[in-house]
Amino acid sequence: MEESGKPYKKEFRPITIKTSEGSTIQGKVNLGVKERVSELFTKSDQAFIVLVDATTKEGTGKVLFVNKNHIVWVEPED
């Protein structure tokens, strides 16, 4: 497997998400080389965001892939 040559940066930020069906999810997103949480939505064409250490009514410590089209609002915790 070839290395892409791009450095991979981990920088997690805690956020809270409200989905269109009414769920509230708390977790952390990796901003990587982006500077703000909003850039995950405005400067990325990926359809999903990845939440780690997510907490939902079903439990905690999950990894979730959330479709951006089903997010009503996002609140950064920091």
C-alpha atoms as a PDB file:
ATOM      1  CA  MET A   1       0.000   0.000   0.000  1.00  0.00           C
ATOM      2  CA  GLU A   2       1.378   3.402  -0.956  1.00  0.00           C
ATOM      3  CA  GLU A   3       1.555   6.364   1.351  1.00  0.00           C
ATOM      4  CA  SER A   4      -0.382   9.365   0.032  1.00  0.00           C
ATOM      5  CA  GLY A   5       2.268  11.841   1.171  1.00  0.00           C
ATOM      6  CA  LYS A   6      -0.360  13.960   2.952  1.00  0.00           C
ATOM      7  CA  PRO A   7       0.146  14.321   6.688  1.00  0.00           C
ATOM      8  CA  TYR A   8      -2.733  13.042   8.785  1.00  0.00           C
ATOM      9  CA  LYS A   9      -3.554  15.288  11.703  1.00  0.00           C
ATOM     10  CA  LYS A  10      -5.783  14.411  14.647  1.00  0.00           C
ATOM     11  CA  GLU A  11      -7.506  17.268  16.411  1.00  0.00           C
ATOM     12  CA  PHE A  12     -10.764  16.296  18.075  1.00  0.00           C
ATOM     13  CA  ARG A  13     -13.442  18.813  19.100  1.00  0.00           C
ATOM     14  CA  PRO A  14     -16.507  17.955  21.195  1.00  0.00           C
ATOM     15  CA  ILE A  15     -19.848  18.826  19.573  1.00  0.00           C
ATOM     16  CA  THR A  16     -23.565  18.285  20.057  1.00  0.00           C
ATOM     17  CA  ILE A  17     -25.764  17.445  17.046  1.00  0.00           C
ATOM     18  CA  LYS A  18     -29.549  17.624  16.685  1.00  0.00           C
ATOM     19  CA  THR A  19     -30.895  15.402  13.898  1.00  0.00           C
ATOM     20  CA  SER A  20     -33.996  15.916  11.768  1.00  0.00           C
ATOM     21  CA  GLU A  21     -35.765  13.013  13.508  1.00  0.00           C
ATOM     22  CA  GLY A  22     -35.216  14.624  16.910  1.00  0.00           C
ATOM     23  CA  SER A  23     -32.196  12.805  18.342  1.00  0.00           C
ATOM     24  CA  THR A  24     -29.459  14.664  20.173  1.00  0.00           C
ATOM     25  CA  ILE A  25     -25.970  13.207  19.862  1.00  0.00           C
ATOM     26  CA  GLN A  26     -22.848  14.294  21.709  1.00  0.00           C
ATOM     27  CA  GLY A  27     -19.421  13.241  20.496  1.00  0.00           C
ATOM     28  CA  LYS A  28     -16.117  14.343  19.059  1.00  0.00           C
ATOM     29  CA  VAL A  29     -15.211  15.125  15.452  1.00  0.00           C
ATOM     30  CA  ASN A  30     -11.716  15.159  14.022  1.00  0.00           C
ATOM     31  CA  LEU A  31     -11.070  18.544  12.484  1.00  0.00           C
ATOM     32  CA  GLY A  32      -7.779  17.363  11.000  1.00  0.00           C
ATOM     33  CA  VAL A  33      -6.310  20.260   9.045  1.00  0.00           C
ATOM     34  CA  LYS A  34      -9.519  22.309   9.242  1.00  0.00           C
ATOM     35  CA  GLU A  35      -9.644  25.116  11.773  1.00  0.00           C
ATOM     36  CA  ARG A  36     -13.332  25.246  12.691  1.00  0.00           C
ATOM     37  CA  VAL A  37     -16.231  22.837  13.089  1.00  0.00           C
ATOM     38  CA  SER A  38     -18.203  24.773  10.465  1.00  0.00           C
ATOM     39  CA  GLU A  39     -15.591  23.858   7.844  1.00  0.00           C
ATOM     40  CA  LEU A  40     -16.690  20.214   8.123  1.00  0.00           C
ATOM     41  CA  PHE A  41     -19.939  21.380   6.529  1.00  0.00           C
ATOM     42  CA  THR A  42     -18.868  24.234   4.263  1.00  0.00           C
ATOM     43  CA  LYS A  43     -15.480  23.126   2.921  1.00  0.00           C
ATOM     44  CA  SER A  44     -16.039  19.390   2.607  1.00  0.00           C
ATOM     45  CA  ASP A  45     -18.088  17.570  -0.018  1.00  0.00           C
ATOM     46  CA  GLN A  46     -18.286  14.363   2.031  1.00  0.00           C
ATOM     47  CA  ALA A  47     -21.871  13.301   2.774  1.00  0.00           C
ATOM     48  CA  PHE A  48     -21.130  12.025   6.288  1.00  0.00           C
ATOM     49  CA  ILE A  49     -19.327  13.242   9.374  1.00  0.00           C
ATOM     50  CA  VAL A  50     -17.737  10.789  11.787  1.00  0.00           C
ATOM     51  CA  LEU A  51     -18.371  11.108  15.527  1.00  0.00           C
ATOM     52  CA  VAL A  52     -16.200   9.224  18.007  1.00  0.00           C
ATOM     53  CA  ASP A  53     -16.936   8.694  21.702  1.00  0.00           C
ATOM     54  CA  ALA A  54     -20.550   9.435  20.779  1.00  0.00           C
ATOM     55  CA  THR A  55     -23.306   9.425  23.380  1.00  0.00           C
ATOM     56  CA  THR A  56     -26.909   8.735  22.379  1.00  0.00           C
ATOM     57  CA  LYS A  57     -29.934   7.399  24.221  1.00  0.00           C
ATOM     58  CA  GLU A  58     -28.746   3.914  23.187  1.00  0.00           C
ATOM     59  CA  GLY A  59     -25.354   4.194  24.904  1.00  0.00           C
ATOM     60  CA  THR A  60     -21.942   5.784  25.048  1.00  0.00           C
ATOM     61  CA  GLY A  61     -18.536   5.329  23.457  1.00  0.00           C
ATOM     62  CA  LYS A  62     -19.882   4.644  19.975  1.00  0.00           C
ATOM     63  CA  VAL A  63     -18.482   5.584  16.584  1.00  0.00           C
ATOM     64  CA  LEU A  64     -21.245   7.046  14.392  1.00  0.00           C
ATOM     65  CA  PHE A  65     -21.384   8.128  10.755  1.00  0.00           C
ATOM     66  CA  VAL A  66     -24.015  10.874  10.496  1.00  0.00           C
ATOM     67  CA  ASN A  67     -25.452  12.013   7.167  1.00  0.00           C
ATOM     68  CA  LYS A  68     -25.103  15.799   6.901  1.00  0.00           C
ATOM     69  CA  ASN A  69     -28.505  16.040   5.201  1.00  0.00           C
ATOM     70  CA  HIS A  70     -30.161  14.890   8.444  1.00  0.00           C
ATOM     71  CA  ILE A  71     -28.487  17.399  10.764  1.00  0.00           C
ATOM     72  CA  VAL A  72     -30.620  20.325  11.965  1.00  0.00           C
ATOM     73  CA  TRP A  73     -27.945  22.076  14.030  1.00  0.00           C
ATOM     74  CA  VAL A  74     -24.460  21.571  15.498  1.00  0.00           C
ATOM     75  CA  GLU A  75     -23.081  23.210  18.628  1.00  0.00           C
ATOM     76  CA  PRO A  76     -19.330  23.150  19.314  1.00  0.00           C
ATOM     77  CA  GLU A  77     -18.645  22.537  23.003  1.00  0.00           C
ATOM     78  CA  ASP A  78     -15.430  24.589  23.269  1.00  0.00           C
END
